[in-house]
């Protein structure tokens, strides 16, 4: 049973994902072996070897690395700062 679970977990999941999850980054959709050995990035490396990459060629980043929550916290702190007069 553990072997079956390991095999299922090691496969890429993009074919079985429902619509809201199909836009996840390649890293998030990859299996455990692909993440461990960075196989998910090989297509990007191959494209970069063939031609110059642009920002549009890069995959979407993992949602955990989004800067939006950090920016919101920084903006909130900035808005709440004590205004000192000169």
PDB file of N, CA and C in Angstrom:
ATOM      1  N   UNK A   1       0.817  -1.184   0.000  1.00  0.00           N
ATOM      2  CA  UNK A   1       0.000   0.000   0.000  1.00  0.00           C
ATOM      3  C   UNK A   1       0.871   1.262   0.000  1.00  0.00           C
ATOM      4  N   UNK A   2       1.949   1.240   0.785  1.00  0.00           N
ATOM      5  CA  UNK A   2       2.845   2.399   0.816  1.00  0.00           C
ATOM      6  C   UNK A   2       3.517   2.619  -0.526  1.00  0.00           C
ATOM      7  N   UNK A   3       3.854   1.543  -1.217  1.00  0.00           N
ATOM      8  CA  UNK A   3       4.465   1.664  -2.537  1.00  0.00           C
ATOM      9  C   UNK A   3       3.486   2.310  -3.516  1.00  0.00           C
ATOM     10  N   UNK A   4       2.228   1.920  -3.479  1.00  0.00           N
ATOM     11  CA  UNK A   4       1.213   2.503  -4.355  1.00  0.00           C
ATOM     12  C   UNK A   4       1.065   3.992  -4.057  1.00  0.00           C
ATOM     13  N   UNK A   5       1.017   4.354  -2.786  1.00  0.00           N
ATOM     14  CA  UNK A   5       0.915   5.761  -2.422  1.00  0.00           C
ATOM     15  C   UNK A   5       2.144   6.552  -2.867  1.00  0.00           C
ATOM     16  N   UNK A   6       3.315   5.972  -2.750  1.00  0.00           N
ATOM     17  CA  UNK A   6       4.538   6.631  -3.195  1.00  0.00           C
ATOM     18  C   UNK A   6       4.510   6.868  -4.704  1.00  0.00           C
ATOM     19  N   UNK A   7       4.068   5.885  -5.444  1.00  0.00           N
ATOM     20  CA  UNK A   7       3.975   6.028  -6.899  1.00  0.00           C
ATOM     21  C   UNK A   7       2.962   7.098  -7.273  1.00  0.00           C
ATOM     22  N   UNK A   8       1.808   7.084  -6.618  1.00  0.00           N
ATOM     23  CA  UNK A   8       0.791   8.090  -6.919  1.00  0.00           C
ATOM     24  C   UNK A   8       1.262   9.497  -6.551  1.00  0.00           C
ATOM     25  N   UNK A   9       1.951   9.619  -5.454  1.00  0.00           N
ATOM     26  CA  UNK A   9       2.433  10.933  -5.018  1.00  0.00           C
ATOM     27  C   UNK A   9       3.561  11.441  -5.902  1.00  0.00           C
ATOM     28  N   UNK A  10       4.293  10.549  -6.533  1.00  0.00           N
ATOM     29  CA  UNK A  10       5.436  10.965  -7.339  1.00  0.00           C
ATOM     30  C   UNK A  10       5.031  11.463  -8.722  1.00  0.00           C
ATOM     31  N   UNK A  11       3.805  11.251  -9.123  1.00  0.00           N
ATOM     32  CA  UNK A  11       3.350  11.675 -10.451  1.00  0.00           C
ATOM     33  C   UNK A  11       2.931  13.136 -10.453  1.00  0.00           C
ATOM     34  N   UNK A  12       3.032  13.760 -11.620  1.00  0.00           N
ATOM     35  CA  UNK A  12       2.564  15.137 -11.758  1.00  0.00           C
ATOM     36  C   UNK A  12       1.047  15.159 -11.674  1.00  0.00           C
ATOM     37  N   UNK A  13       0.509  16.204 -11.095  1.00  0.00           N
ATOM     38  CA  UNK A  13      -0.905  16.238 -10.798  1.00  0.00           C
ATOM     39  C   UNK A  13      -1.722  17.150 -11.709  1.00  0.00           C
ATOM     40  N   UNK A  14      -1.128  17.764 -12.701  1.00  0.00           N
ATOM     41  CA  UNK A  14      -1.851  18.753 -13.501  1.00  0.00           C
ATOM     42  C   UNK A  14      -3.018  18.157 -14.273  1.00  0.00           C
ATOM     43  N   UNK A  15      -2.940  16.906 -14.650  1.00  0.00           N
ATOM     44  CA  UNK A  15      -4.022  16.297 -15.425  1.00  0.00           C
ATOM     45  C   UNK A  15      -5.267  16.026 -14.578  1.00  0.00           C
ATOM     46  N   UNK A  16      -5.116  15.890 -13.282  1.00  0.00           N
ATOM     47  CA  UNK A  16      -6.254  15.539 -12.438  1.00  0.00           C
ATOM     48  C   UNK A  16      -6.784  16.706 -11.615  1.00  0.00           C
ATOM     49  N   UNK A  17      -6.185  17.875 -11.755  1.00  0.00           N
ATOM     50  CA  UNK A  17      -6.613  19.025 -10.964  1.00  0.00           C
ATOM     51  C   UNK A  17      -7.874  19.659 -11.526  1.00  0.00           C
ATOM     52  N   UNK A  18      -8.708  20.188 -10.642  1.00  0.00           N
ATOM     53  CA  UNK A  18      -9.908  20.907 -11.061  1.00  0.00           C
ATOM     54  C   UNK A  18      -9.522  22.328 -11.433  1.00  0.00           C
ATOM     55  N   UNK A  19     -10.451  23.059 -12.023  1.00  0.00           N
ATOM     56  CA  UNK A  19     -10.183  24.361 -12.628  1.00  0.00           C
ATOM     57  C   UNK A  19      -9.488  25.377 -11.725  1.00  0.00           C
ATOM     58  N   UNK A  20      -9.905  25.623 -10.501  1.00  0.00           N
ATOM     59  CA  UNK A  20      -9.196  26.681  -9.755  1.00  0.00           C
ATOM     60  C   UNK A  20      -7.736  26.345  -9.454  1.00  0.00           C
ATOM     61  N   UNK A  21      -7.380  25.069  -9.526  1.00  0.00           N
ATOM     62  CA  UNK A  21      -6.021  24.665  -9.176  1.00  0.00           C
ATOM     63  C   UNK A  21      -5.129  24.418 -10.384  1.00  0.00           C
ATOM     64  N   UNK A  22      -5.671  24.535 -11.589  1.00  0.00           N
ATOM     65  CA  UNK A  22      -4.864  24.306 -12.789  1.00  0.00           C
ATOM     66  C   UNK A  22      -3.844  25.416 -13.022  1.00  0.00           C
ATOM     67  N   UNK A  23      -4.038  26.565 -12.399  1.00  0.00           N
ATOM     68  CA  UNK A  23      -3.123  27.685 -12.610  1.00  0.00           C
ATOM     69  C   UNK A  23      -1.999  27.714 -11.576  1.00  0.00           C
ATOM     70  N   UNK A  24      -1.837  26.659 -10.805  1.00  0.00           N
ATOM     71  CA  UNK A  24      -0.741  26.598  -9.834  1.00  0.00           C
ATOM     72  C   UNK A  24       0.595  26.562 -10.551  1.00  0.00           C
ATOM     73  N   UNK A  25       1.643  26.898  -9.846  1.00  0.00           N
ATOM     74  CA  UNK A  25       2.981  26.887 -10.443  1.00  0.00           C
ATOM     75  C   UNK A  25       3.416  25.448 -10.729  1.00  0.00           C
ATOM     76  N   UNK A  26       4.352  25.245 -11.655  1.00  0.00           N
ATOM     77  CA  UNK A  26       4.843  23.894 -11.944  1.00  0.00           C
ATOM     78  C   UNK A  26       5.421  23.213 -10.712  1.00  0.00           C
ATOM     79  N   UNK A  27       6.026  23.976  -9.840  1.00  0.00           N
ATOM     80  CA  UNK A  27       6.590  23.409  -8.614  1.00  0.00           C
ATOM     81  C   UNK A  27       5.495  22.851  -7.720  1.00  0.00           C
ATOM     82  N   UNK A  28       4.370  23.549  -7.627  1.00  0.00           N
ATOM     83  CA  UNK A  28       3.268  23.097  -6.786  1.00  0.00           C
ATOM     84  C   UNK A  28       2.571  21.869  -7.364  1.00  0.00           C
ATOM     85  N   UNK A  29       2.568  21.746  -8.682  1.00  0.00           N
ATOM     86  CA  UNK A  29       1.905  20.606  -9.320  1.00  0.00           C
ATOM     87  C   UNK A  29       2.794  19.385  -9.447  1.00  0.00           C
ATOM     88  N   UNK A  30       4.071  19.529  -9.244  1.00  0.00           N
ATOM     89  CA  UNK A  30       4.996  18.417  -9.439  1.00  0.00           C
ATOM     90  C   UNK A  30       4.932  17.429  -8.283  1.00  0.00           C
ATOM     91  N   UNK A  31       5.422  16.236  -8.543  1.00  0.00           N
ATOM     92  CA  UNK A  31       5.444  15.192  -7.534  1.00  0.00           C
ATOM     93  C   UNK A  31       6.636  15.336  -6.603  1.00  0.00           C
ATOM     94  N   UNK A  32       6.720  14.443  -5.657  1.00  0.00           N
ATOM     95  CA  UNK A  32       7.759  14.520  -4.624  1.00  0.00           C
ATOM     96  C   UNK A  32       9.167  14.358  -5.209  1.00  0.00           C
ATOM     97  N   UNK A  33       9.330  13.442  -6.169  1.00  0.00           N
ATOM     98  CA  UNK A  33      10.653  13.239  -6.768  1.00  0.00           C
ATOM     99  C   UNK A  33      11.047  14.429  -7.634  1.00  0.00           C
ATOM    100  N   UNK A  34      10.074  14.965  -8.353  1.00  0.00           N
ATOM    101  CA  UNK A  34      10.346  16.123  -9.202  1.00  0.00           C
ATOM    102  C   UNK A  34      10.762  17.325  -8.374  1.00  0.00           C
ATOM    103  N   UNK A  35      10.130  17.526  -7.228  1.00  0.00           N
ATOM    104  CA  UNK A  35      10.512  18.626  -6.348  1.00  0.00           C
ATOM    105  C   UNK A  35      11.860  18.366  -5.687  1.00  0.00           C
ATOM    106  N   UNK A  36      12.112  17.126  -5.328  1.00  0.00           N
ATOM    107  CA  UNK A  36      13.368  16.792  -4.659  1.00  0.00           C
ATOM    108  C   UNK A  36      14.561  17.009  -5.578  1.00  0.00           C
ATOM    109  N   UNK A  37      14.448  16.555  -6.816  1.00  0.00           N
ATOM    110  CA  UNK A  37      15.575  16.630  -7.757  1.00  0.00           C
ATOM    111  C   UNK A  37      15.459  17.778  -8.750  1.00  0.00           C
ATOM    112  N   UNK A  38      14.485  18.674  -8.531  1.00  0.00           N
ATOM    113  CA  UNK A  38      14.259  19.859  -9.372  1.00  0.00           C
ATOM    114  C   UNK A  38      14.011  19.516 -10.840  1.00  0.00           C
ATOM    115  N   UNK A  39      13.366  18.390 -11.097  1.00  0.00           N
ATOM    116  CA  UNK A  39      13.038  18.018 -12.473  1.00  0.00           C
ATOM    117  C   UNK A  39      11.991  18.941 -13.070  1.00  0.00           C
ATOM    118  N   UNK A  40      11.198  19.582 -12.221  1.00  0.00           N
ATOM    119  CA  UNK A  40      10.134  20.445 -12.720  1.00  0.00           C
ATOM    120  C   UNK A  40      10.694  21.664 -13.450  1.00  0.00           C
ATOM    121  N   UNK A  41      11.949  22.002 -13.203  1.00  0.00           N
ATOM    122  CA  UNK A  41      12.525  23.199 -13.817  1.00  0.00           C
ATOM    123  C   UNK A  41      13.291  22.874 -15.115  1.00  0.00           C
ATOM    124  N   UNK A  42      13.462  21.604 -15.428  1.00  0.00           N
ATOM    125  CA  UNK A  42      14.205  21.218 -16.634  1.00  0.00           C
ATOM    126  C   UNK A  42      13.649  21.818 -17.922  1.00  0.00           C
ATOM    127  N   UNK A  43      12.315  21.857 -18.129  1.00  0.00           N
ATOM    128  CA  UNK A  43      11.836  22.499 -19.369  1.00  0.00           C
ATOM    129  C   UNK A  43      12.234  23.968 -19.478  1.00  0.00           C
ATOM    130  N   UNK A  44      12.241  24.680 -18.379  1.00  0.00           N
ATOM    131  CA  UNK A  44      12.649  26.087 -18.398  1.00  0.00           C
ATOM    132  C   UNK A  44      14.135  26.216 -18.709  1.00  0.00           C
ATOM    133  N   UNK A  45      14.943  25.339 -18.142  1.00  0.00           N
ATOM    134  CA  UNK A  45      16.382  25.358 -18.414  1.00  0.00           C
ATOM    135  C   UNK A  45      16.645  25.039 -19.884  1.00  0.00           C
ATOM    136  N   UNK A  46      15.899  24.070 -20.435  1.00  0.00           N
ATOM    137  CA  UNK A  46      16.068  23.722 -21.854  1.00  0.00           C
ATOM    138  C   UNK A  46      15.678  24.889 -22.746  1.00  0.00           C
ATOM    139  N   UNK A  47      14.586  25.578 -22.416  1.00  0.00           N
ATOM    140  CA  UNK A  47      14.184  26.751 -23.196  1.00  0.00           C
ATOM    141  C   UNK A  47      15.241  27.852 -23.109  1.00  0.00           C
ATOM    142  N   UNK A  48      15.793  28.052 -21.912  1.00  0.00           N
ATOM    143  CA  UNK A  48      16.829  29.059 -21.742  1.00  0.00           C
ATOM    144  C   UNK A  48      18.106  28.734 -22.487  1.00  0.00           C
ATOM    145  N   UNK A  49      18.370  27.459 -22.689  1.00  0.00           N
ATOM    146  CA  UNK A  49      19.544  27.058 -23.459  1.00  0.00           C
ATOM    147  C   UNK A  49      19.339  27.327 -24.947  1.00  0.00           C
ATOM    148  N   UNK A  50      18.083  27.194 -25.412  1.00  0.00           N
ATOM    149  CA  UNK A  50      17.776  27.372 -26.833  1.00  0.00           C
ATOM    150  C   UNK A  50      17.632  28.830 -27.233  1.00  0.00           C
ATOM    151  N   UNK A  51      17.090  29.644 -26.311  1.00  0.00           N
ATOM    152  CA  UNK A  51      16.824  31.044 -26.661  1.00  0.00           C
ATOM    153  C   UNK A  51      16.876  31.908 -25.410  1.00  0.00           C
ATOM    154  N   UNK A  52      16.854  33.199 -25.600  1.00  0.00           N
ATOM    155  CA  UNK A  52      16.847  34.141 -24.499  1.00  0.00           C
ATOM    156  C   UNK A  52      15.453  34.171 -23.880  1.00  0.00           C
ATOM    157  N   UNK A  53      15.382  33.989 -22.576  1.00  0.00           N
ATOM    158  CA  UNK A  53      14.089  33.979 -21.896  1.00  0.00           C
ATOM    159  C   UNK A  53      13.640  35.393 -21.556  1.00  0.00           C
ATOM    160  N   UNK A  54      12.328  35.587 -21.543  1.00  0.00           N
ATOM    161  CA  UNK A  54      11.757  36.856 -21.101  1.00  0.00           C
ATOM    162  C   UNK A  54      10.947  36.594 -19.834  1.00  0.00           C
ATOM    163  N   UNK A  55      10.450  37.637 -19.233  1.00  0.00           N
ATOM    164  CA  UNK A  55       9.673  37.507 -18.006  1.00  0.00           C
ATOM    165  C   UNK A  55       8.420  36.663 -18.251  1.00  0.00           C
ATOM    166  N   UNK A  56       7.834  36.771 -19.419  1.00  0.00           N
ATOM    167  CA  UNK A  56       6.628  36.008 -19.744  1.00  0.00           C
ATOM    168  C   UNK A  56       6.895  34.508 -19.810  1.00  0.00           C
ATOM    169  N   UNK A  57       8.147  34.115 -20.065  1.00  0.00           N
ATOM    170  CA  UNK A  57       8.498  32.698 -20.151  1.00  0.00           C
ATOM    171  C   UNK A  57       8.604  32.030 -18.776  1.00  0.00           C
ATOM    172  N   UNK A  58       8.785  32.823 -17.748  1.00  0.00           N
ATOM    173  CA  UNK A  58       8.976  32.272 -16.417  1.00  0.00           C
ATOM    174  C   UNK A  58       7.652  31.779 -15.848  1.00  0.00           C
ATOM    175  N   UNK A  59       7.674  30.672 -15.133  1.00  0.00           N
ATOM    176  CA  UNK A  59       6.423  30.156 -14.565  1.00  0.00           C
ATOM    177  C   UNK A  59       5.958  31.010 -13.395  1.00  0.00           C
ATOM    178  N   UNK A  60       4.686  30.872 -13.082  1.00  0.00           N
ATOM    179  CA  UNK A  60       4.123  31.563 -11.931  1.00  0.00           C
ATOM    180  C   UNK A  60       4.811  31.041 -10.668  1.00  0.00           C
ATOM    181  N   UNK A  61       5.094  31.927  -9.720  1.00  0.00           N
ATOM    182  CA  UNK A  61       5.770  31.488  -8.506  1.00  0.00           C
ATOM    183  C   UNK A  61       4.782  30.829  -7.545  1.00  0.00           C
ATOM    184  N   UNK A  62       5.310  30.060  -6.642  1.00  0.00           N
ATOM    185  CA  UNK A  62       4.518  29.401  -5.616  1.00  0.00           C
ATOM    186  C   UNK A  62       3.767  30.453  -4.806  1.00  0.00           C
ATOM    187  N   UNK A  63       2.515  30.179  -4.478  1.00  0.00           N
ATOM    188  CA  UNK A  63       1.698  31.160  -3.770  1.00  0.00           C
ATOM    189  C   UNK A  63       2.270  31.514  -2.399  1.00  0.00           C
ATOM    190  N   UNK A  64       3.053  30.637  -1.797  1.00  0.00           N
ATOM    191  CA  UNK A  64       3.648  30.927  -0.495  1.00  0.00           C
ATOM    192  C   UNK A  64       4.721  32.016  -0.585  1.00  0.00           C
ATOM    193  N   UNK A  65       5.248  32.241  -1.779  1.00  0.00           N
ATOM    194  CA  UNK A  65       6.298  33.235  -1.963  1.00  0.00           C
ATOM    195  C   UNK A  65       5.769  34.574  -2.458  1.00  0.00           C
ATOM    196  N   UNK A  66       4.466  34.733  -2.458  1.00  0.00           N
ATOM    197  CA  UNK A  66       3.865  35.976  -2.923  1.00  0.00           C
ATOM    198  C   UNK A  66       4.255  37.126  -2.000  1.00  0.00           C
ATOM    199  N   UNK A  67       4.544  38.262  -2.580  1.00  0.00           N
ATOM    200  CA  UNK A  67       4.944  39.428  -1.803  1.00  0.00           C
ATOM    201  C   UNK A  67       3.755  40.271  -1.376  1.00  0.00           C
ATOM    202  N   UNK A  68       2.554  39.942  -1.825  1.00  0.00           N
ATOM    203  CA  UNK A  68       1.381  40.752  -1.514  1.00  0.00           C
ATOM    204  C   UNK A  68       1.111  40.858  -0.011  1.00  0.00           C
ATOM    205  N   UNK A  69       1.114  39.752   0.762  1.00  0.00           N
ATOM    206  CA  UNK A  69       0.874  39.904   2.200  1.00  0.00           C
ATOM    207  C   UNK A  69       1.942  40.749   2.899  1.00  0.00           C
ATOM    208  N   UNK A  70       3.183  40.601   2.486  1.00  0.00           N
ATOM    209  CA  UNK A  70       4.264  41.394   3.067  1.00  0.00           C
ATOM    210  C   UNK A  70       4.091  42.865   2.729  1.00  0.00           C
ATOM    211  N   UNK A  71       3.735  43.149   1.496  1.00  0.00           N
ATOM    212  CA  UNK A  71       3.514  44.534   1.084  1.00  0.00           C
ATOM    213  C   UNK A  71       2.366  45.150   1.871  1.00  0.00           C
ATOM    214  N   UNK A  72       1.279  44.384   2.054  1.00  0.00           N
ATOM    215  CA  UNK A  72       0.136  44.894   2.814  1.00  0.00           C
ATOM    216  C   UNK A  72       0.525  45.195   4.262  1.00  0.00           C
ATOM    217  N   UNK A  73       1.314  44.311   4.875  1.00  0.00           N
ATOM    218  CA  UNK A  73       1.757  44.527   6.259  1.00  0.00           C
ATOM    219  C   UNK A  73       2.666  45.751   6.349  1.00  0.00           C
ATOM    220  N   UNK A  74       3.542  45.917   5.373  1.00  0.00           N
ATOM    221  CA  UNK A  74       4.424  47.077   5.370  1.00  0.00           C
ATOM    222  C   UNK A  74       3.621  48.367   5.179  1.00  0.00           C
ATOM    223  N   UNK A  75       2.646  48.329   4.297  1.00  0.00           N
ATOM    224  CA  UNK A  75       1.810  49.511   4.062  1.00  0.00           C
ATOM    225  C   UNK A  75       1.013  49.865   5.316  1.00  0.00           C
ATOM    226  N   UNK A  76       0.487  48.861   5.999  1.00  0.00           N
ATOM    227  CA  UNK A  76      -0.258  49.091   7.234  1.00  0.00           C
ATOM    228  C   UNK A  76       0.656  49.721   8.293  1.00  0.00           C
ATOM    229  N   UNK A  77       1.863  49.196   8.439  1.00  0.00           N
ATOM    230  CA  UNK A  77       2.824  49.766   9.382  1.00  0.00           C
ATOM    231  C   UNK A  77       3.191  51.189   9.022  1.00  0.00           C
ATOM    232  N   UNK A  78       3.352  51.452   7.742  1.00  0.00           N
ATOM    233  CA  UNK A  78       3.696  52.799   7.289  1.00  0.00           C
ATOM    234  C   UNK A  78       2.552  53.769   7.587  1.00  0.00           C
ATOM    235  N   UNK A  79       1.323  53.323   7.344  1.00  0.00           N
ATOM    236  CA  UNK A  79       0.164  54.169   7.591  1.00  0.00           C
ATOM    237  C   UNK A  79      -0.036  54.451   9.085  1.00  0.00           C
ATOM    238  N   UNK A  80       0.386  53.533   9.950  1.00  0.00           N
ATOM    239  CA  UNK A  80       0.178  53.688  11.387  1.00  0.00           C
ATOM    240  C   UNK A  80       1.369  54.321  12.103  1.00  0.00           C
ATOM    241  N   UNK A  81       2.394  54.709  11.372  1.00  0.00           N
ATOM    242  CA  UNK A  81       3.587  55.251  12.013  1.00  0.00           C
ATOM    243  C   UNK A  81       3.257  56.583  12.700  1.00  0.00           C
ATOM    244  N   UNK A  82       4.033  56.881  13.655  1.00  0.00           N
ATOM    245  CA  UNK A  82       3.858  58.129  14.370  1.00  0.00           C
ATOM    246  C   UNK A  82       4.462  59.249  13.549  1.00  0.00           C
ATOM    247  N   UNK A  83       3.658  60.223  13.269  1.00  0.00           N
ATOM    248  CA  UNK A  83       4.132  61.348  12.459  1.00  0.00           C
ATOM    249  C   UNK A  83       4.864  62.322  13.377  1.00  0.00           C
ATOM    250  N   UNK A  84       6.142  62.513  13.118  1.00  0.00           N
ATOM    251  CA  UNK A  84       6.956  63.422  13.921  1.00  0.00           C
ATOM    252  C   UNK A  84       7.083  64.747  13.195  1.00  0.00           C
ATOM    253  N   UNK A  85       6.988  65.799  13.940  1.00  0.00           N
ATOM    254  CA  UNK A  85       7.154  67.115  13.320  1.00  0.00           C
ATOM    255  C   UNK A  85       8.620  67.524  13.395  1.00  0.00           C
ATOM    256  N   UNK A  86       9.100  68.288  12.409  1.00  0.00           N
ATOM    257  CA  UNK A  86      10.526  68.694  12.416  1.00  0.00           C
ATOM    258  C   UNK A  86      10.868  69.688  13.476  1.00  0.00           C
TER     259      UNK A  86
END
